[in-house]
Amino acid sequence: MVNRKRLDPTESTAALFGAKLRKFRDKAGLSQAQLADAVGYSHDTISKVETAAQAPSPQLAELLDAHFSTDEQFQELQPLAAKEGIPVFFRPYPLCQAQVGHKGMKFPN
């Protein structure tokens, strides 16, 4: 737990989802790998969802609610987290592009 990424649940709905996931996982005394095994997802997916680097799928939200008995808390947040579209770690890039005037990369034919 020394290298844990600090989570800011006010940053986005995906970050709130991740913070809640970490809270319930910690309370249950589970590692990310143990939770991944329990819900049938990869450790990488659990890690990315917990740190808001990947939006949670509806299926994962349903499995988390069932595993933690959280009365659909994860299922209620999931559509909002997925709707945000751009993962947290990519959000600075559109702003950078706007500042330098680029609208995208052009490739030669």
PDB file of N, CA and C in Angstrom:
ATOM      1  N   MET A   1       0.806  -1.199   0.000  1.00  0.00           N
ATOM      2  CA  MET A   1       0.000   0.000   0.000  1.00  0.00           C
ATOM      3  C   MET A   1       0.853   1.267   0.000  1.00  0.00           C
ATOM      4  N   VAL A   2       2.151   1.137  -0.042  1.00  0.00           N
ATOM      5  CA  VAL A   2       3.037   2.288  -0.037  1.00  0.00           C
ATOM      6  C   VAL A   2       2.842   3.139  -1.284  1.00  0.00           C
ATOM      7  N   ASN A   3       2.629   2.530  -2.435  1.00  0.00           N
ATOM      8  CA  ASN A   3       2.515   3.250  -3.700  1.00  0.00           C
ATOM      9  C   ASN A   3       1.074   3.540  -4.102  1.00  0.00           C
ATOM     10  N   ARG A   4       0.181   3.656  -3.152  1.00  0.00           N
ATOM     11  CA  ARG A   4      -1.226   3.909  -3.473  1.00  0.00           C
ATOM     12  C   ARG A   4      -1.416   5.291  -4.065  1.00  0.00           C
ATOM     13  N   LYS A   5      -2.168   5.341  -5.148  1.00  0.00           N
ATOM     14  CA  LYS A   5      -2.515   6.621  -5.745  1.00  0.00           C
ATOM     15  C   LYS A   5      -3.562   7.289  -4.866  1.00  0.00           C
ATOM     16  N   ARG A   6      -3.348   8.539  -4.580  1.00  0.00           N
ATOM     17  CA  ARG A   6      -4.323   9.296  -3.796  1.00  0.00           C
ATOM     18  C   ARG A   6      -5.547   9.555  -4.678  1.00  0.00           C
ATOM     19  N   LEU A   7      -6.720   9.280  -4.160  1.00  0.00           N
ATOM     20  CA  LEU A   7      -7.956   9.452  -4.917  1.00  0.00           C
ATOM     21  C   LEU A   7      -8.675  10.721  -4.479  1.00  0.00           C
ATOM     22  N   ASP A   8      -9.192  11.470  -5.437  1.00  0.00           N
ATOM     23  CA  ASP A   8      -9.988  12.658  -5.151  1.00  0.00           C
ATOM     24  C   ASP A   8     -11.393  12.421  -5.695  1.00  0.00           C
ATOM     25  N   PRO A   9     -12.332  12.014  -4.831  1.00  0.00           N
ATOM     26  CA  PRO A   9     -13.680  11.692  -5.305  1.00  0.00           C
ATOM     27  C   PRO A   9     -14.442  12.885  -5.873  1.00  0.00           C
ATOM     28  N   THR A  10     -13.936  14.107  -5.674  1.00  0.00           N
ATOM     29  CA  THR A  10     -14.607  15.281  -6.236  1.00  0.00           C
ATOM     30  C   THR A  10     -14.144  15.576  -7.661  1.00  0.00           C
ATOM     31  N   GLU A  11     -13.147  14.837  -8.141  1.00  0.00           N
ATOM     32  CA  GLU A  11     -12.575  15.078  -9.466  1.00  0.00           C
ATOM     33  C   GLU A  11     -13.537  14.700 -10.594  1.00  0.00           C
ATOM     34  N   SER A  12     -14.258  13.624 -10.411  1.00  0.00           N
ATOM     35  CA  SER A  12     -15.180  13.142 -11.442  1.00  0.00           C
ATOM     36  C   SER A  12     -16.041  12.033 -10.848  1.00  0.00           C
ATOM     37  N   THR A  13     -17.060  11.639 -11.579  1.00  0.00           N
ATOM     38  CA  THR A  13     -17.880  10.516 -11.122  1.00  0.00           C
ATOM     39  C   THR A  13     -17.073   9.227 -11.156  1.00  0.00           C
ATOM     40  N   ALA A  14     -16.194   9.088 -12.145  1.00  0.00           N
ATOM     41  CA  ALA A  14     -15.335   7.899 -12.206  1.00  0.00           C
ATOM     42  C   ALA A  14     -14.414   7.844 -10.988  1.00  0.00           C
ATOM     43  N   ALA A  15     -13.919   9.003 -10.554  1.00  0.00           N
ATOM     44  CA  ALA A  15     -13.066   9.049  -9.365  1.00  0.00           C
ATOM     45  C   ALA A  15     -13.875   8.723  -8.107  1.00  0.00           C
ATOM     46  N   LEU A  16     -15.119   9.188  -8.042  1.00  0.00           N
ATOM     47  CA  LEU A  16     -15.992   8.849  -6.919  1.00  0.00           C
ATOM     48  C   LEU A  16     -16.259   7.352  -6.898  1.00  0.00           C
ATOM     49  N   PHE A  17     -16.527   6.767  -8.059  1.00  0.00           N
ATOM     50  CA  PHE A  17     -16.744   5.323  -8.172  1.00  0.00           C
ATOM     51  C   PHE A  17     -15.505   4.594  -7.652  1.00  0.00           C
ATOM     52  N   GLY A  18     -14.333   5.025  -8.100  1.00  0.00           N
ATOM     53  CA  GLY A  18     -13.085   4.392  -7.675  1.00  0.00           C
ATOM     54  C   GLY A  18     -12.837   4.521  -6.187  1.00  0.00           C
ATOM     55  N   ALA A  19     -13.138   5.686  -5.631  1.00  0.00           N
ATOM     56  CA  ALA A  19     -12.948   5.898  -4.195  1.00  0.00           C
ATOM     57  C   ALA A  19     -13.879   4.997  -3.384  1.00  0.00           C
ATOM     58  N   LYS A  20     -15.118   4.859  -3.845  1.00  0.00           N
ATOM     59  CA  LYS A  20     -16.054   3.957  -3.158  1.00  0.00           C
ATOM     60  C   LYS A  20     -15.593   2.508  -3.275  1.00  0.00           C
ATOM     61  N   LEU A  21     -15.108   2.145  -4.456  1.00  0.00           N
ATOM     62  CA  LEU A  21     -14.592   0.794  -4.657  1.00  0.00           C
ATOM     63  C   LEU A  21     -13.455   0.513  -3.684  1.00  0.00           C
ATOM     64  N   ARG A  22     -12.502   1.444  -3.576  1.00  0.00           N
ATOM     65  CA  ARG A  22     -11.380   1.259  -2.650  1.00  0.00           C
ATOM     66  C   ARG A  22     -11.875   1.169  -1.203  1.00  0.00           C
ATOM     67  N   LYS A  23     -12.822   2.023  -0.846  1.00  0.00           N
ATOM     68  CA  LYS A  23     -13.347   2.025   0.524  1.00  0.00           C
ATOM     69  C   LYS A  23     -13.944   0.664   0.887  1.00  0.00           C
ATOM     70  N   PHE A  24     -14.796   0.136   0.016  1.00  0.00           N
ATOM     71  CA  PHE A  24     -15.423  -1.161   0.295  1.00  0.00           C
ATOM     72  C   PHE A  24     -14.416  -2.305   0.235  1.00  0.00           C
ATOM     73  N   ARG A  25     -13.474  -2.213  -0.698  1.00  0.00           N
ATOM     74  CA  ARG A  25     -12.450  -3.255  -0.812  1.00  0.00           C
ATOM     75  C   ARG A  25     -11.567  -3.276   0.433  1.00  0.00           C
ATOM     76  N   ASP A  26     -11.149  -2.093   0.883  1.00  0.00           N
ATOM     77  CA  ASP A  26     -10.329  -2.007   2.100  1.00  0.00           C
ATOM     78  C   ASP A  26     -11.093  -2.510   3.320  1.00  0.00           C
ATOM     79  N   LYS A  27     -12.356  -2.107   3.415  1.00  0.00           N
ATOM     80  CA  LYS A  27     -13.183  -2.528   4.550  1.00  0.00           C
ATOM     81  C   LYS A  27     -13.327  -4.046   4.597  1.00  0.00           C
ATOM     82  N   ALA A  28     -13.370  -4.670   3.413  1.00  0.00           N
ATOM     83  CA  ALA A  28     -13.480  -6.133   3.336  1.00  0.00           C
ATOM     84  C   ALA A  28     -12.125  -6.819   3.514  1.00  0.00           C
ATOM     85  N   GLY A  29     -11.054  -6.026   3.567  1.00  0.00           N
ATOM     86  CA  GLY A  29      -9.720  -6.592   3.744  1.00  0.00           C
ATOM     87  C   GLY A  29      -9.199  -7.314   2.513  1.00  0.00           C
ATOM     88  N   LEU A  30      -9.620  -6.866   1.340  1.00  0.00           N
ATOM     89  CA  LEU A  30      -9.228  -7.522   0.093  1.00  0.00           C
ATOM     90  C   LEU A  30      -8.190  -6.705  -0.669  1.00  0.00           C
ATOM     91  N   SER A  31      -7.270  -7.398  -1.307  1.00  0.00           N
ATOM     92  CA  SER A  31      -6.367  -6.741  -2.248  1.00  0.00           C
ATOM     93  C   SER A  31      -7.116  -6.587  -3.572  1.00  0.00           C
ATOM     94  N   GLN A  32      -6.560  -5.799  -4.473  1.00  0.00           N
ATOM     95  CA  GLN A  32      -7.181  -5.681  -5.793  1.00  0.00           C
ATOM     96  C   GLN A  32      -7.226  -7.036  -6.487  1.00  0.00           C
ATOM     97  N   ALA A  33      -6.159  -7.807  -6.350  1.00  0.00           N
ATOM     98  CA  ALA A  33      -6.102  -9.134  -6.986  1.00  0.00           C
ATOM     99  C   ALA A  33      -7.159 -10.072  -6.407  1.00  0.00           C
ATOM    100  N   GLN A  34      -7.355 -10.024  -5.096  1.00  0.00           N
ATOM    101  CA  GLN A  34      -8.367 -10.876  -4.463  1.00  0.00           C
ATOM    102  C   GLN A  34      -9.766 -10.487  -4.926  1.00  0.00           C
ATOM    103  N   LEU A  35     -10.032  -9.190  -5.001  1.00  0.00           N
ATOM    104  CA  LEU A  35     -11.338  -8.741  -5.480  1.00  0.00           C
ATOM    105  C   LEU A  35     -11.528  -9.135  -6.945  1.00  0.00           C
ATOM    106  N   ALA A  36     -10.482  -8.973  -7.744  1.00  0.00           N
ATOM    107  CA  ALA A  36     -10.555  -9.353  -9.158  1.00  0.00           C
ATOM    108  C   ALA A  36     -10.941 -10.819  -9.304  1.00  0.00           C
ATOM    109  N   ASP A  37     -10.310 -11.684  -8.528  1.00  0.00           N
ATOM    110  CA  ASP A  37     -10.647 -13.111  -8.566  1.00  0.00           C
ATOM    111  C   ASP A  37     -12.095 -13.350  -8.142  1.00  0.00           C
ATOM    112  N   ALA A  38     -12.538 -12.623  -7.127  1.00  0.00           N
ATOM    113  CA  ALA A  38     -13.884 -12.827  -6.589  1.00  0.00           C
ATOM    114  C   ALA A  38     -14.978 -12.429  -7.579  1.00  0.00           C
ATOM    115  N   VAL A  39     -14.718 -11.389  -8.389  1.00  0.00           N
ATOM    116  CA  VAL A  39     -15.753 -10.921  -9.315  1.00  0.00           C
ATOM    117  C   VAL A  39     -15.497 -11.341 -10.763  1.00  0.00           C
ATOM    118  N   GLY A  40     -14.392 -12.029 -11.008  1.00  0.00           N
ATOM    119  CA  GLY A  40     -14.119 -12.545 -12.345  1.00  0.00           C
ATOM    120  C   GLY A  40     -13.584 -11.531 -13.336  1.00  0.00           C
ATOM    121  N   TYR A  41     -12.911 -10.507 -12.842  1.00  0.00           N
ATOM    122  CA  TYR A  41     -12.276  -9.511 -13.701  1.00  0.00           C
ATOM    123  C   TYR A  41     -10.774  -9.553 -13.465  1.00  0.00           C
ATOM    124  N   SER A  42     -10.011  -8.931 -14.341  1.00  0.00           N
ATOM    125  CA  SER A  42      -8.559  -8.919 -14.172  1.00  0.00           C
ATOM    126  C   SER A  42      -8.156  -7.916 -13.096  1.00  0.00           C
ATOM    127  N   HIS A  43      -7.005  -8.171 -12.500  1.00  0.00           N
ATOM    128  CA  HIS A  43      -6.442  -7.237 -11.523  1.00  0.00           C
ATOM    129  C   HIS A  43      -6.240  -5.872 -12.179  1.00  0.00           C
ATOM    130  N   ASP A  44      -5.793  -5.873 -13.428  1.00  0.00           N
ATOM    131  CA  ASP A  44      -5.549  -4.635 -14.159  1.00  0.00           C
ATOM    132  C   ASP A  44      -6.828  -3.803 -14.283  1.00  0.00           C
ATOM    133  N   THR A  45      -7.942  -4.455 -14.587  1.00  0.00           N
ATOM    134  CA  THR A  45      -9.217  -3.743 -14.705  1.00  0.00           C
ATOM    135  C   THR A  45      -9.629  -3.141 -13.374  1.00  0.00           C
ATOM    136  N   ILE A  46      -9.542  -3.915 -12.303  1.00  0.00           N
ATOM    137  CA  ILE A  46      -9.904  -3.401 -10.977  1.00  0.00           C
ATOM    138  C   ILE A  46      -9.029  -2.205 -10.624  1.00  0.00           C
ATOM    139  N   SER A  47      -7.738  -2.305 -10.883  1.00  0.00           N
ATOM    140  CA  SER A  47      -6.811  -1.212 -10.599  1.00  0.00           C
ATOM    141  C   SER A  47      -7.169   0.039 -11.390  1.00  0.00           C
ATOM    142  N   LYS A  48      -7.436  -0.115 -12.682  1.00  0.00           N
ATOM    143  CA  LYS A  48      -7.758   1.038 -13.527  1.00  0.00           C
ATOM    144  C   LYS A  48      -9.087   1.677 -13.147  1.00  0.00           C
ATOM    145  N   VAL A  49     -10.074   0.871 -12.812  1.00  0.00           N
ATOM    146  CA  VAL A  49     -11.366   1.424 -12.392  1.00  0.00           C
ATOM    147  C   VAL A  49     -11.207   2.148 -11.058  1.00  0.00           C
ATOM    148  N   GLU A  50     -10.450   1.558 -10.150  1.00  0.00           N
ATOM    149  CA  GLU A  50     -10.263   2.165  -8.830  1.00  0.00           C
ATOM    150  C   GLU A  50      -9.537   3.509  -8.916  1.00  0.00           C
ATOM    151  N   THR A  51      -8.657   3.673  -9.878  1.00  0.00           N
ATOM    152  CA  THR A  51      -7.912   4.927 -10.020  1.00  0.00           C
ATOM    153  C   THR A  51      -8.497   5.837 -11.099  1.00  0.00           C
ATOM    154  N   ALA A  52      -9.682   5.516 -11.583  1.00  0.00           N
ATOM    155  CA  ALA A  52     -10.416   6.310 -12.576  1.00  0.00           C
ATOM    156  C   ALA A  52      -9.698   6.396 -13.917  1.00  0.00           C
ATOM    157  N   ALA A  53      -8.837   5.441 -14.210  1.00  0.00           N
ATOM    158  CA  ALA A  53      -8.168   5.394 -15.509  1.00  0.00           C
ATOM    159  C   ALA A  53      -9.025   4.675 -16.541  1.00  0.00           C
ATOM    160  N   GLN A  54     -10.063   3.994 -16.093  1.00  0.00           N
ATOM    161  CA  GLN A  54     -10.978   3.262 -16.980  1.00  0.00           C
ATOM    162  C   GLN A  54     -12.373   3.349 -16.383  1.00  0.00           C
ATOM    163  N   ALA A  55     -13.350   3.585 -17.239  1.00  0.00           N
ATOM    164  CA  ALA A  55     -14.735   3.622 -16.764  1.00  0.00           C
ATOM    165  C   ALA A  55     -15.202   2.208 -16.435  1.00  0.00           C
ATOM    166  N   PRO A  56     -16.004   2.064 -15.394  1.00  0.00           N
ATOM    167  CA  PRO A  56     -16.521   0.739 -15.045  1.00  0.00           C
ATOM    168  C   PRO A  56     -17.615   0.307 -16.017  1.00  0.00           C
ATOM    169  N   SER A  57     -17.680  -0.975 -16.289  1.00  0.00           N
ATOM    170  CA  SER A  57     -18.748  -1.508 -17.141  1.00  0.00           C
ATOM    171  C   SER A  57     -19.994  -1.747 -16.292  1.00  0.00           C
ATOM    172  N   PRO A  58     -21.170  -1.815 -16.920  1.00  0.00           N
ATOM    173  CA  PRO A  58     -22.384  -2.140 -16.167  1.00  0.00           C
ATOM    174  C   PRO A  58     -22.272  -3.494 -15.466  1.00  0.00           C
ATOM    175  N   GLN A  59     -21.628  -4.458 -16.126  1.00  0.00           N
ATOM    176  CA  GLN A  59     -21.485  -5.790 -15.538  1.00  0.00           C
ATOM    177  C   GLN A  59     -20.614  -5.754 -14.286  1.00  0.00           C
ATOM    178  N   LEU A  60     -19.521  -4.997 -14.342  1.00  0.00           N
ATOM    179  CA  LEU A  60     -18.649  -4.896 -13.170  1.00  0.00           C
ATOM    180  C   LEU A  60     -19.391  -4.227 -12.019  1.00  0.00           C
ATOM    181  N   ALA A  61     -20.123  -3.165 -12.305  1.00  0.00           N
ATOM    182  CA  ALA A  61     -20.883  -2.473 -11.259  1.00  0.00           C
ATOM    183  C   ALA A  61     -21.873  -3.423 -10.587  1.00  0.00           C
ATOM    184  N   GLU A  62     -22.546  -4.226 -11.393  1.00  0.00           N
ATOM    185  CA  GLU A  62     -23.506  -5.194 -10.849  1.00  0.00           C
ATOM    186  C   GLU A  62     -22.803  -6.228  -9.963  1.00  0.00           C
ATOM    187  N   LEU A  63     -21.668  -6.718 -10.421  1.00  0.00           N
ATOM    188  CA  LEU A  63     -20.914  -7.707  -9.634  1.00  0.00           C
ATOM    189  C   LEU A  63     -20.373  -7.112  -8.333  1.00  0.00           C
ATOM    190  N   LEU A  64     -19.936  -5.860  -8.377  1.00  0.00           N
ATOM    191  CA  LEU A  64     -19.441  -5.204  -7.162  1.00  0.00           C
ATOM    192  C   LEU A  64     -20.572  -5.020  -6.152  1.00  0.00           C
ATOM    193  N   ASP A  65     -21.743  -4.602  -6.631  1.00  0.00           N
ATOM    194  CA  ASP A  65     -22.892  -4.460  -5.730  1.00  0.00           C
ATOM    195  C   ASP A  65     -23.251  -5.792  -5.089  1.00  0.00           C
ATOM    196  N   ALA A  66     -23.220  -6.852  -5.870  1.00  0.00           N
ATOM    197  CA  ALA A  66     -23.541  -8.175  -5.326  1.00  0.00           C
ATOM    198  C   ALA A  66     -22.477  -8.622  -4.325  1.00  0.00           C
ATOM    199  N   HIS A  67     -21.218  -8.401  -4.663  1.00  0.00           N
ATOM    200  CA  HIS A  67     -20.126  -8.851  -3.793  1.00  0.00           C
ATOM    201  C   HIS A  67     -20.121  -8.106  -2.457  1.00  0.00           C
ATOM    202  N   PHE A  68     -20.305  -6.787  -2.513  1.00  0.00           N
ATOM    203  CA  PHE A  68     -20.231  -5.973  -1.295  1.00  0.00           C
ATOM    204  C   PHE A  68     -21.599  -5.733  -0.652  1.00  0.00           C
ATOM    205  N   SER A  69     -22.673  -6.238  -1.252  1.00  0.00           N
ATOM    206  CA  SER A  69     -24.043  -6.005  -0.764  1.00  0.00           C
ATOM    207  C   SER A  69     -24.291  -4.509  -0.574  1.00  0.00           C
ATOM    208  N   THR A  70     -24.064  -3.753  -1.628  1.00  0.00           N
ATOM    209  CA  THR A  70     -24.142  -2.297  -1.546  1.00  0.00           C
ATOM    210  C   THR A  70     -25.423  -1.707  -2.131  1.00  0.00           C
ATOM    211  N   ASP A  71     -26.459  -2.523  -2.288  1.00  0.00           N
ATOM    212  CA  ASP A  71     -27.781  -2.013  -2.669  1.00  0.00           C
ATOM    213  C   ASP A  71     -27.734  -1.108  -3.906  1.00  0.00           C
ATOM    214  N   GLU A  72     -27.052  -1.566  -4.944  1.00  0.00           N
ATOM    215  CA  GLU A  72     -26.993  -0.895  -6.242  1.00  0.00           C
ATOM    216  C   GLU A  72     -26.257   0.442  -6.248  1.00  0.00           C
ATOM    217  N   GLN A  73     -25.427   0.725  -5.252  1.00  0.00           N
ATOM    218  CA  GLN A  73     -24.662   1.976  -5.250  1.00  0.00           C
ATOM    219  C   GLN A  73     -23.750   2.079  -6.469  1.00  0.00           C
ATOM    220  N   PHE A  74     -23.062   0.989  -6.790  1.00  0.00           N
ATOM    221  CA  PHE A  74     -22.153   1.012  -7.935  1.00  0.00           C
ATOM    222  C   PHE A  74     -22.928   1.089  -9.249  1.00  0.00           C
ATOM    223  N   GLN A  75     -24.063   0.409  -9.320  1.00  0.00           N
ATOM    224  CA  GLN A  75     -24.878   0.437 -10.541  1.00  0.00           C
ATOM    225  C   GLN A  75     -25.461   1.827 -10.791  1.00  0.00           C
ATOM    226  N   GLU A  76     -25.744   2.574  -9.740  1.00  0.00           N
ATOM    227  CA  GLU A  76     -26.272   3.925  -9.900  1.00  0.00           C
ATOM    228  C   GLU A  76     -25.200   4.890 -10.401  1.00  0.00           C
ATOM    229  N   LEU A  77     -23.963   4.701  -9.965  1.00  0.00           N
ATOM    230  CA  LEU A  77     -22.873   5.582 -10.391  1.00  0.00           C
ATOM    231  C   LEU A  77     -22.327   5.233 -11.773  1.00  0.00           C
ATOM    232  N   GLN A  78     -22.428   3.974 -12.162  1.00  0.00           N
ATOM    233  CA  GLN A  78     -21.781   3.496 -13.391  1.00  0.00           C
ATOM    234  C   GLN A  78     -22.158   4.291 -14.647  1.00  0.00           C
ATOM    235  N   PRO A  79     -23.445   4.535 -14.927  1.00  0.00           N
ATOM    236  CA  PRO A  79     -23.760   5.264 -16.164  1.00  0.00           C
ATOM    237  C   PRO A  79     -23.167   6.672 -16.182  1.00  0.00           C
ATOM    238  N   LEU A  80     -23.126   7.308 -15.027  1.00  0.00           N
ATOM    239  CA  LEU A  80     -22.551   8.652 -14.947  1.00  0.00           C
ATOM    240  C   LEU A  80     -21.049   8.610 -15.181  1.00  0.00           C
ATOM    241  N   ALA A  81     -20.392   7.621 -14.590  1.00  0.00           N
ATOM    242  CA  ALA A  81     -18.943   7.476 -14.774  1.00  0.00           C
ATOM    243  C   ALA A  81     -18.620   7.170 -16.232  1.00  0.00           C
ATOM    244  N   ALA A  82     -19.405   6.333 -16.865  1.00  0.00           N
ATOM    245  CA  ALA A  82     -19.167   5.968 -18.265  1.00  0.00           C
ATOM    246  C   ALA A  82     -19.482   7.127 -19.209  1.00  0.00           C
ATOM    247  N   LYS A  83     -20.470   7.932 -18.860  1.00  0.00           N
ATOM    248  CA  LYS A  83     -20.894   9.045 -19.711  1.00  0.00           C
ATOM    249  C   LYS A  83     -19.832  10.138 -19.810  1.00  0.00           C
ATOM    250  N   GLU A  84     -18.993  10.236 -18.801  1.00  0.00           N
ATOM    251  CA  GLU A  84     -17.953  11.265 -18.813  1.00  0.00           C
ATOM    252  C   GLU A  84     -17.006  11.087 -19.993  1.00  0.00           C
ATOM    253  N   GLY A  85     -16.891   9.845 -20.466  1.00  0.00           N
ATOM    254  CA  GLY A  85     -16.142   9.582 -21.688  1.00  0.00           C
ATOM    255  C   GLY A  85     -14.640   9.592 -21.579  1.00  0.00           C
ATOM    256  N   ILE A  86     -14.052  10.734 -21.378  1.00  0.00           N
ATOM    257  CA  ILE A  86     -12.595  10.834 -21.389  1.00  0.00           C
ATOM    258  C   ILE A  86     -12.051  10.423 -20.027  1.00  0.00           C
ATOM    259  N   PRO A  87     -11.175   9.419 -19.995  1.00  0.00           N
ATOM    260  CA  PRO A  87     -10.580   9.030 -18.716  1.00  0.00           C
ATOM    261  C   PRO A  87      -9.832  10.200 -18.078  1.00  0.00           C
ATOM    262  N   VAL A  88      -9.782  10.222 -16.772  1.00  0.00           N
ATOM    263  CA  VAL A  88      -9.177  11.316 -16.017  1.00  0.00           C
ATOM    264  C   VAL A  88      -7.773  11.638 -16.516  1.00  0.00           C
ATOM    265  N   PHE A  89      -6.961  10.608 -16.778  1.00  0.00           N
ATOM    266  CA  PHE A  89      -5.575  10.880 -17.150  1.00  0.00           C
ATOM    267  C   PHE A  89      -5.441  11.494 -18.542  1.00  0.00           C
ATOM    268  N   PHE A  90      -6.486  11.458 -19.389  1.00  0.00           N
ATOM    269  CA  PHE A  90      -6.433  12.077 -20.708  1.00  0.00           C
ATOM    270  C   PHE A  90      -7.007  13.495 -20.705  1.00  0.00           C
ATOM    271  N   ARG A  91      -7.688  13.902 -19.677  1.00  0.00           N
ATOM    272  CA  ARG A  91      -8.400  15.178 -19.688  1.00  0.00           C
ATOM    273  C   ARG A  91      -7.519  16.388 -19.964  1.00  0.00           C
ATOM    274  N   PRO A  92      -6.268  16.431 -19.531  1.00  0.00           N
ATOM    275  CA  PRO A  92      -5.456  17.612 -19.853  1.00  0.00           C
ATOM    276  C   PRO A  92      -5.140  17.757 -21.347  1.00  0.00           C
ATOM    277  N   TYR A  93      -5.146  16.678 -22.118  1.00  0.00           N
ATOM    278  CA  TYR A  93      -4.708  16.728 -23.506  1.00  0.00           C
ATOM    279  C   TYR A  93      -5.591  17.566 -24.422  1.00  0.00           C
ATOM    280  N   PRO A  94      -6.917  17.475 -24.358  1.00  0.00           N
ATOM    281  CA  PRO A  94      -7.711  18.370 -25.207  1.00  0.00           C
ATOM    282  C   PRO A  94      -7.448  19.843 -24.898  1.00  0.00           C
ATOM    283  N   LEU A  95      -7.205  20.166 -23.635  1.00  0.00           N
ATOM    284  CA  LEU A  95      -6.889  21.545 -23.273  1.00  0.00           C
ATOM    285  C   LEU A  95      -5.563  21.966 -23.887  1.00  0.00           C
ATOM    286  N   CYS A  96      -4.573  21.095 -23.847  1.00  0.00           N
ATOM    287  CA  CYS A  96      -3.267  21.389 -24.447  1.00  0.00           C
ATOM    288  C   CYS A  96      -3.405  21.596 -25.946  1.00  0.00           C
ATOM    289  N   GLN A  97      -4.192  20.752 -26.592  1.00  0.00           N
ATOM    290  CA  GLN A  97      -4.388  20.880 -28.033  1.00  0.00           C
ATOM    291  C   GLN A  97      -5.038  22.215 -28.372  1.00  0.00           C
ATOM    292  N   ALA A  98      -6.006  22.627 -27.583  1.00  0.00           N
ATOM    293  CA  ALA A  98      -6.689  23.890 -27.838  1.00  0.00           C
ATOM    294  C   ALA A  98      -5.726  25.062 -27.700  1.00  0.00           C
ATOM    295  N   GLN A  99      -4.820  24.983 -26.745  1.00  0.00           N
ATOM    296  CA  GLN A  99      -3.877  26.071 -26.510  1.00  0.00           C
ATOM    297  C   GLN A  99      -2.872  26.216 -27.653  1.00  0.00           C
ATOM    298  N   VAL A 100      -2.512  25.126 -28.300  1.00  0.00           N
ATOM    299  CA  VAL A 100      -1.539  25.204 -29.391  1.00  0.00           C
ATOM    300  C   VAL A 100      -2.210  25.226 -30.763  1.00  0.00           C
ATOM    301  N   GLY A 101      -3.517  25.162 -30.800  1.00  0.00           N
ATOM    302  CA  GLY A 101      -4.256  25.290 -32.039  1.00  0.00           C
ATOM    303  C   GLY A 101      -4.393  24.035 -32.875  1.00  0.00           C
ATOM    304  N   HIS A 102      -4.083  22.878 -32.340  1.00  0.00           N
ATOM    305  CA  HIS A 102      -4.210  21.630 -33.092  1.00  0.00           C
ATOM    306  C   HIS A 102      -5.621  21.068 -32.948  1.00  0.00           C
ATOM    307  N   LYS A 103      -6.116  20.518 -34.037  1.00  0.00           N
ATOM    308  CA  LYS A 103      -7.418  19.859 -33.991  1.00  0.00           C
ATOM    309  C   LYS A 103      -7.283  18.367 -34.174  1.00  0.00           C
ATOM    310  N   GLY A 104      -6.096  17.889 -34.211  1.00  0.00           N
ATOM    311  CA  GLY A 104      -5.860  16.463 -34.386  1.00  0.00           C
ATOM    312  C   GLY A 104      -4.633  16.232 -35.241  1.00  0.00           C
ATOM    313  N   MET A 105      -4.233  15.007 -35.287  1.00  0.00           N
ATOM    314  CA  MET A 105      -3.057  14.653 -36.061  1.00  0.00           C
ATOM    315  C   MET A 105      -3.448  14.392 -37.506  1.00  0.00           C
ATOM    316  N   LYS A 106      -2.580  14.792 -38.421  1.00  0.00           N
ATOM    317  CA  LYS A 106      -2.799  14.521 -39.834  1.00  0.00           C
ATOM    318  C   LYS A 106      -1.734  13.546 -40.292  1.00  0.00           C
ATOM    319  N   PHE A 107      -2.161  12.578 -41.039  1.00  0.00           N
ATOM    320  CA  PHE A 107      -1.245  11.562 -41.537  1.00  0.00           C
ATOM    321  C   PHE A 107      -1.158  11.674 -43.053  1.00  0.00           C
ATOM    322  N   PRO A 108       0.031  11.490 -43.612  1.00  0.00           N
ATOM    323  CA  PRO A 108       0.150  11.545 -45.075  1.00  0.00           C
ATOM    324  C   PRO A 108      -0.578  10.374 -45.721  1.00  0.00           C
ATOM    325  N   ASN A 109      -1.058  10.597 -46.923  1.00  0.00           N
ATOM    326  CA  ASN A 109      -1.772   9.537 -47.653  1.00  0.00           C
ATOM    327  C   ASN A 109      -0.839   8.491 -48.153  1.00  0.00           C
TER     328      ASN A 109
END
